[in-house]
């Protein structure tokens, strides 16, 4: 899309709006705001940042288009405070469209909803999605997952073990220095405590 010009370099105007020549050769009268919106949508469609996202360009443009403006004849990006986005690779210079869009996406609170699965950090995934795939978690960890996370974990082939996370505490029913312990209590006792139990003369009872 480009502005249609007269021989003297001025813009061709019809019905009070400048005329633009579209990519397919057709002509349209488009006012300034509509022309900016249309041109901006082209930037979103062509941006390499879109390859990281699972949503189409028109949805991303609708969500982040308000961050872009024309200042001093140049397209600039603004953060939520109205401050210009600056390049991380060119200190002191305003970010290009692609740089700015990438920065806006990375700071978006729910960016895991936008990124494709391969680009979603593990920390941004929903609980339970970081497990699965044949892994094993403890019963305590499994119980702490939300219902959806439990279902997804099991669906992905995850397994629930009976060993509690971290060192098991001494059986609550056995006071310190106890000389007897049931087989079930002994089996759940950490090796060091079990050794100390026998060393102190403890015995197993059924």
C-alpha atoms as a PDB file:
ATOM      1  CA  UNK A   1       0.000   0.000   0.000  1.00  0.00           C
ATOM      2  CA  UNK A   2       1.291   3.443  -0.895  1.00  0.00           C
ATOM      3  CA  UNK A   3      -0.054   6.980  -1.078  1.00  0.00           C
ATOM      4  CA  UNK A   4      -1.078   8.124  -4.570  1.00  0.00           C
ATOM      5  CA  UNK A   5       0.603  11.397  -5.488  1.00  0.00           C
ATOM      6  CA  UNK A   6      -0.072  14.167  -8.000  1.00  0.00           C
ATOM      7  CA  UNK A   7       2.657  15.321 -10.392  1.00  0.00           C
ATOM      8  CA  UNK A   8       3.557  18.134  -7.990  1.00  0.00           C
ATOM      9  CA  UNK A   9       4.096  15.622  -5.175  1.00  0.00           C
ATOM     10  CA  UNK A  10       0.907  16.387  -3.278  1.00  0.00           C
ATOM     11  CA  UNK A  11      -1.442  13.619  -2.226  1.00  0.00           C
ATOM     12  CA  UNK A  12      -4.421  12.758  -4.393  1.00  0.00           C
ATOM     13  CA  UNK A  13      -7.588  13.424  -2.391  1.00  0.00           C
ATOM     14  CA  UNK A  14     -11.087  12.055  -3.046  1.00  0.00           C
ATOM     15  CA  UNK A  15     -14.155  12.589  -0.884  1.00  0.00           C
ATOM     16  CA  UNK A  16     -12.006  14.407   1.634  1.00  0.00           C
ATOM     17  CA  UNK A  17      -9.593  11.482   2.164  1.00  0.00           C
ATOM     18  CA  UNK A  18      -6.190  10.703   0.610  1.00  0.00           C
ATOM     19  CA  UNK A  19      -6.092   7.951  -2.000  1.00  0.00           C
ATOM     20  CA  UNK A  20      -3.920   4.894  -1.477  1.00  0.00           C
ATOM     21  CA  UNK A  21      -2.839   2.353  -4.080  1.00  0.00           C
ATOM     22  CA  UNK A  22      -3.211  -1.140  -2.649  1.00  0.00           C
ATOM     23  CA  UNK A  23      -0.789  -4.017  -3.295  1.00  0.00           C
ATOM     24  CA  UNK A  24      -3.153  -5.473  -5.905  1.00  0.00           C
ATOM     25  CA  UNK A  25      -3.293  -2.172  -7.831  1.00  0.00           C
ATOM     26  CA  UNK A  26      -6.721  -1.030  -6.659  1.00  0.00           C
ATOM     27  CA  UNK A  27      -7.247   2.433  -5.220  1.00  0.00           C
ATOM     28  CA  UNK A  28      -9.010   3.324  -1.970  1.00  0.00           C
ATOM     29  CA  UNK A  29      -9.771   6.542  -0.152  1.00  0.00           C
ATOM     30  CA  UNK A  30      -8.563   6.053   3.404  1.00  0.00           C
ATOM     31  CA  UNK A  31      -8.458   8.642   6.168  1.00  0.00           C
ATOM     32  CA  UNK A  32      -5.344   9.063   8.291  1.00  0.00           C
ATOM     33  CA  UNK A  33      -6.421   6.896  11.222  1.00  0.00           C
ATOM     34  CA  UNK A  34      -7.602   4.037   9.006  1.00  0.00           C
ATOM     35  CA  UNK A  35      -4.447   4.257   6.885  1.00  0.00           C
ATOM     36  CA  UNK A  36      -2.257   4.011   9.983  1.00  0.00           C
ATOM     37  CA  UNK A  37      -4.237   1.020  11.278  1.00  0.00           C
ATOM     38  CA  UNK A  38      -4.003  -0.732   7.922  1.00  0.00           C
ATOM     39  CA  UNK A  39      -0.265  -0.072   7.587  1.00  0.00           C
ATOM     40  CA  UNK A  40       0.312  -1.229  11.173  1.00  0.00           C
ATOM     41  CA  UNK A  41      -1.494  -4.518  10.519  1.00  0.00           C
ATOM     42  CA  UNK A  42       0.982  -5.178   7.699  1.00  0.00           C
ATOM     43  CA  UNK A  43       3.841  -4.807  10.187  1.00  0.00           C
ATOM     44  CA  UNK A  44       2.283  -7.444  12.439  1.00  0.00           C
ATOM     45  CA  UNK A  45       1.704  -9.849   9.543  1.00  0.00           C
ATOM     46  CA  UNK A  46       5.310  -9.553   8.333  1.00  0.00           C
ATOM     47  CA  UNK A  47       7.008  -9.611  11.734  1.00  0.00           C
ATOM     48  CA  UNK A  48       9.233 -12.644  12.487  1.00  0.00           C
ATOM     49  CA  UNK A  49       7.947 -12.432  16.071  1.00  0.00           C
ATOM     50  CA  UNK A  50       4.699 -13.983  14.831  1.00  0.00           C
ATOM     51  CA  UNK A  51       6.503 -17.313  14.313  1.00  0.00           C
ATOM     52  CA  UNK A  52       6.752 -17.606  18.131  1.00  0.00           C
ATOM     53  CA  UNK A  53       3.056 -17.012  18.677  1.00  0.00           C
ATOM     54  CA  UNK A  54       0.067 -19.303  18.375  1.00  0.00           C
ATOM     55  CA  UNK A  55      -2.462 -16.519  17.762  1.00  0.00           C
ATOM     56  CA  UNK A  56      -3.008 -14.945  14.312  1.00  0.00           C
ATOM     57  CA  UNK A  57      -1.605 -11.539  13.414  1.00  0.00           C
ATOM     58  CA  UNK A  58      -4.980  -9.754  13.512  1.00  0.00           C
ATOM     59  CA  UNK A  59      -5.562 -10.835  17.128  1.00  0.00           C
ATOM     60  CA  UNK A  60      -2.059  -9.767  18.177  1.00  0.00           C
ATOM     61  CA  UNK A  61      -2.530  -6.455  16.338  1.00  0.00           C
ATOM     62  CA  UNK A  62      -5.815  -5.858  18.147  1.00  0.00           C
ATOM     63  CA  UNK A  63      -4.129  -6.575  21.497  1.00  0.00           C
ATOM     64  CA  UNK A  64      -0.863  -4.670  21.029  1.00  0.00           C
ATOM     65  CA  UNK A  65      -1.621  -2.147  18.258  1.00  0.00           C
ATOM     66  CA  UNK A  66      -2.433   0.580  20.794  1.00  0.00           C
ATOM     67  CA  UNK A  67       1.217   0.543  21.902  1.00  0.00           C
ATOM     68  CA  UNK A  68       2.372   1.938  18.546  1.00  0.00           C
ATOM     69  CA  UNK A  69       2.199   5.535  17.334  1.00  0.00           C
ATOM     70  CA  UNK A  70       3.741   7.903  14.807  1.00  0.00           C
ATOM     71  CA  UNK A  71       6.077  10.447  16.395  1.00  0.00           C
ATOM     72  CA  UNK A  72       8.372  12.686  14.415  1.00  0.00           C
ATOM     73  CA  UNK A  73       7.373  10.868  11.257  1.00  0.00           C
ATOM     74  CA  UNK A  74       8.542   7.519  12.647  1.00  0.00           C
ATOM     75  CA  UNK A  75       6.715   4.489  14.003  1.00  0.00           C
ATOM     76  CA  UNK A  76       7.504   4.113  17.694  1.00  0.00           C
ATOM     77  CA  UNK A  77       6.320   1.742  20.416  1.00  0.00           C
ATOM     78  CA  UNK A  78       5.207   2.869  23.858  1.00  0.00           C
ATOM     79  CA  UNK A  79       4.944   0.854  27.044  1.00  0.00           C
ATOM     80  CA  UNK A  80       1.887   0.968  29.318  1.00  0.00           C
ATOM     81  CA  UNK A  81       3.236   4.190  30.875  1.00  0.00           C
ATOM     82  CA  UNK A  82       3.587   5.916  27.502  1.00  0.00           C
ATOM     83  CA  UNK A  83       7.376   5.660  27.542  1.00  0.00           C
ATOM     84  CA  UNK A  84       9.167   4.760  24.304  1.00  0.00           C
ATOM     85  CA  UNK A  85      10.527   1.255  23.920  1.00  0.00           C
ATOM     86  CA  UNK A  86      14.283   1.306  23.366  1.00  0.00           C
ATOM     87  CA  UNK A  87      16.500  -1.207  21.624  1.00  0.00           C
ATOM     88  CA  UNK A  88      18.360  -3.692  23.815  1.00  0.00           C
ATOM     89  CA  UNK A  89      21.067  -4.158  21.177  1.00  0.00           C
ATOM     90  CA  UNK A  90      21.470  -0.477  20.236  1.00  0.00           C
ATOM     91  CA  UNK A  91      21.603   1.498  23.505  1.00  0.00           C
ATOM     92  CA  UNK A  92      19.953   4.907  23.301  1.00  0.00           C
ATOM     93  CA  UNK A  93      18.087   4.149  20.070  1.00  0.00           C
ATOM     94  CA  UNK A  94      14.360   3.590  19.746  1.00  0.00           C
ATOM     95  CA  UNK A  95      13.438  -0.061  19.215  1.00  0.00           C
ATOM     96  CA  UNK A  96      12.377  -1.225  15.777  1.00  0.00           C
ATOM     97  CA  UNK A  97       8.870  -2.584  15.371  1.00  0.00           C
ATOM     98  CA  UNK A  98      10.039  -6.203  15.715  1.00  0.00           C
ATOM     99  CA  UNK A  99      12.214  -5.456  18.761  1.00  0.00           C
ATOM    100  CA  UNK A 100       9.417  -3.542  20.453  1.00  0.00           C
ATOM    101  CA  UNK A 101       6.808  -6.215  19.744  1.00  0.00           C
ATOM    102  CA  UNK A 102       9.116  -8.879  21.175  1.00  0.00           C
ATOM    103  CA  UNK A 103       9.665  -6.815  24.322  1.00  0.00           C
ATOM    104  CA  UNK A 104       5.940  -6.184  24.751  1.00  0.00           C
ATOM    105  CA  UNK A 105       5.198  -9.901  24.346  1.00  0.00           C
ATOM    106  CA  UNK A 106       7.903 -10.889  26.858  1.00  0.00           C
ATOM    107  CA  UNK A 107       6.500  -8.504  29.486  1.00  0.00           C
ATOM    108  CA  UNK A 108       2.884  -9.528  28.938  1.00  0.00           C
ATOM    109  CA  UNK A 109       1.613 -11.091  32.218  1.00  0.00           C
ATOM    110  CA  UNK A 110      -0.105 -13.994  30.444  1.00  0.00           C
ATOM    111  CA  UNK A 111       2.420 -14.532  27.684  1.00  0.00           C
ATOM    112  CA  UNK A 112       2.096 -18.313  28.038  1.00  0.00           C
ATOM    113  CA  UNK A 113      -1.313 -17.871  26.381  1.00  0.00           C
ATOM    114  CA  UNK A 114       0.372 -16.286  23.358  1.00  0.00           C
ATOM    115  CA  UNK A 115       3.529 -18.344  22.886  1.00  0.00           C
ATOM    116  CA  UNK A 116       3.657 -21.626  21.053  1.00  0.00           C
ATOM    117  CA  UNK A 117       4.352 -24.606  23.310  1.00  0.00           C
ATOM    118  CA  UNK A 118       8.033 -24.884  22.327  1.00  0.00           C
ATOM    119  CA  UNK A 119       8.581 -21.216  23.289  1.00  0.00           C
ATOM    120  CA  UNK A 120       6.722 -21.330  26.591  1.00  0.00           C
ATOM    121  CA  UNK A 121       9.087 -21.357  29.612  1.00  0.00           C
ATOM    122  CA  UNK A 122       8.441 -24.228  32.017  1.00  0.00           C
ATOM    123  CA  UNK A 123       7.761 -21.712  34.772  1.00  0.00           C
ATOM    124  CA  UNK A 124       4.953 -20.205  32.715  1.00  0.00           C
ATOM    125  CA  UNK A 125       3.118 -23.470  32.188  1.00  0.00           C
ATOM    126  CA  UNK A 126       0.111 -24.459  34.223  1.00  0.00           C
ATOM    127  CA  UNK A 127       0.756 -26.715  37.241  1.00  0.00           C
ATOM    128  CA  UNK A 128       0.831 -30.328  36.152  1.00  0.00           C
ATOM    129  CA  UNK A 129       2.023 -29.554  32.610  1.00  0.00           C
ATOM    130  CA  UNK A 130       5.629 -29.506  33.822  1.00  0.00           C
ATOM    131  CA  UNK A 131       5.257 -33.065  35.051  1.00  0.00           C
ATOM    132  CA  UNK A 132       3.812 -35.962  33.021  1.00  0.00           C
ATOM    133  CA  UNK A 133       5.579 -37.442  30.028  1.00  0.00           C
ATOM    134  CA  UNK A 134       6.308 -40.607  32.028  1.00  0.00           C
ATOM    135  CA  UNK A 135       7.711 -38.822  35.076  1.00  0.00           C
ATOM    136  CA  UNK A 136       6.959 -39.793  38.673  1.00  0.00           C
ATOM    137  CA  UNK A 137       5.830 -37.485  41.461  1.00  0.00           C
ATOM    138  CA  UNK A 138       4.935 -38.114  45.089  1.00  0.00           C
ATOM    139  CA  UNK A 139       1.406 -38.457  46.381  1.00  0.00           C
ATOM    140  CA  UNK A 140       1.770 -35.122  48.186  1.00  0.00           C
ATOM    141  CA  UNK A 141       2.785 -33.366  44.956  1.00  0.00           C
ATOM    142  CA  UNK A 142      -0.045 -35.045  43.048  1.00  0.00           C
ATOM    143  CA  UNK A 143      -2.637 -34.030  45.654  1.00  0.00           C
ATOM    144  CA  UNK A 144      -1.400 -30.432  45.467  1.00  0.00           C
ATOM    145  CA  UNK A 145      -2.208 -30.219  41.741  1.00  0.00           C
ATOM    146  CA  UNK A 146      -5.548 -28.775  40.609  1.00  0.00           C
ATOM    147  CA  UNK A 147      -8.025 -31.307  39.108  1.00  0.00           C
ATOM    148  CA  UNK A 148      -7.121 -30.272  35.567  1.00  0.00           C
ATOM    149  CA  UNK A 149      -3.417 -30.659  36.331  1.00  0.00           C
ATOM    150  CA  UNK A 150      -3.949 -34.147  37.784  1.00  0.00           C
ATOM    151  CA  UNK A 151      -5.902 -35.273  34.732  1.00  0.00           C
ATOM    152  CA  UNK A 152      -3.255 -33.883  32.364  1.00  0.00           C
ATOM    153  CA  UNK A 153      -0.438 -35.484  34.377  1.00  0.00           C
ATOM    154  CA  UNK A 154      -2.028 -38.936  34.210  1.00  0.00           C
ATOM    155  CA  UNK A 155      -2.959 -38.430  30.555  1.00  0.00           C
ATOM    156  CA  UNK A 156       0.705 -37.719  29.753  1.00  0.00           C
ATOM    157  CA  UNK A 157       1.742 -41.017  31.339  1.00  0.00           C
ATOM    158  CA  UNK A 158       2.835 -39.656  34.698  1.00  0.00           C
ATOM    159  CA  UNK A 159       3.003 -41.943  37.731  1.00  0.00           C
ATOM    160  CA  UNK A 160       2.303 -41.296  41.396  1.00  0.00           C
ATOM    161  CA  UNK A 161       4.836 -42.792  43.827  1.00  0.00           C
ATOM    162  CA  UNK A 162       4.186 -43.619  47.468  1.00  0.00           C
ATOM    163  CA  UNK A 163       7.416 -42.104  48.752  1.00  0.00           C
ATOM    164  CA  UNK A 164       6.890 -38.697  50.302  1.00  0.00           C
ATOM    165  CA  UNK A 165       8.937 -35.768  49.027  1.00  0.00           C
ATOM    166  CA  UNK A 166      12.033 -35.163  51.162  1.00  0.00           C
ATOM    167  CA  UNK A 167      13.175 -37.129  54.239  1.00  0.00           C
ATOM    168  CA  UNK A 168      10.304 -38.804  56.044  1.00  0.00           C
ATOM    169  CA  UNK A 169       9.744 -37.748  59.612  1.00  0.00           C
ATOM    170  CA  UNK A 170       9.891 -40.246  62.447  1.00  0.00           C
ATOM    171  CA  UNK A 171       6.540 -41.983  63.019  1.00  0.00           C
ATOM    172  CA  UNK A 172       4.338 -39.698  65.102  1.00  0.00           C
ATOM    173  CA  UNK A 173       3.149 -42.585  67.240  1.00  0.00           C
ATOM    174  CA  UNK A 174       6.683 -43.429  68.348  1.00  0.00           C
ATOM    175  CA  UNK A 175       8.221 -41.123  70.950  1.00  0.00           C
ATOM    176  CA  UNK A 176      11.938 -40.519  70.987  1.00  0.00           C
ATOM    177  CA  UNK A 177      13.795 -43.500  72.462  1.00  0.00           C
ATOM    178  CA  UNK A 178      10.965 -45.971  71.770  1.00  0.00           C
ATOM    179  CA  UNK A 179      12.158 -49.605  71.888  1.00  0.00           C
ATOM    180  CA  UNK A 180       9.463 -51.126  69.638  1.00  0.00           C
ATOM    181  CA  UNK A 181       8.203 -50.331  66.158  1.00  0.00           C
ATOM    182  CA  UNK A 182       5.769 -52.005  63.777  1.00  0.00           C
ATOM    183  CA  UNK A 183       6.935 -53.299  60.391  1.00  0.00           C
ATOM    184  CA  UNK A 184       4.907 -50.597  58.580  1.00  0.00           C
ATOM    185  CA  UNK A 185       6.469 -47.863  60.717  1.00  0.00           C
ATOM    186  CA  UNK A 186       9.951 -49.285  60.163  1.00  0.00           C
ATOM    187  CA  UNK A 187       9.463 -49.401  56.378  1.00  0.00           C
ATOM    188  CA  UNK A 188       8.616 -45.680  56.326  1.00  0.00           C
ATOM    189  CA  UNK A 189      11.584 -44.730  58.518  1.00  0.00           C
ATOM    190  CA  UNK A 190      14.651 -43.124  56.835  1.00  0.00           C
ATOM    191  CA  UNK A 191      17.772 -45.405  56.786  1.00  0.00           C
ATOM    192  CA  UNK A 192      19.710 -43.333  59.330  1.00  0.00           C
ATOM    193  CA  UNK A 193      16.853 -43.366  61.846  1.00  0.00           C
ATOM    194  CA  UNK A 194      16.291 -47.091  61.258  1.00  0.00           C
ATOM    195  CA  UNK A 195      19.971 -47.777  61.996  1.00  0.00           C
ATOM    196  CA  UNK A 196      19.826 -45.655  65.142  1.00  0.00           C
ATOM    197  CA  UNK A 197      16.690 -47.540  66.233  1.00  0.00           C
ATOM    198  CA  UNK A 198      18.430 -50.934  66.082  1.00  0.00           C
ATOM    199  CA  UNK A 199      21.618 -49.511  67.603  1.00  0.00           C
ATOM    200  CA  UNK A 200      19.621 -48.349  70.600  1.00  0.00           C
ATOM    201  CA  UNK A 201      18.214 -51.837  71.072  1.00  0.00           C
ATOM    202  CA  UNK A 202      14.895 -51.344  69.315  1.00  0.00           C
ATOM    203  CA  UNK A 203      12.802 -54.275  68.163  1.00  0.00           C
ATOM    204  CA  UNK A 204      10.174 -54.820  65.444  1.00  0.00           C
ATOM    205  CA  UNK A 205       6.714 -56.015  66.399  1.00  0.00           C
ATOM    206  CA  UNK A 206       3.956 -57.328  64.192  1.00  0.00           C
END
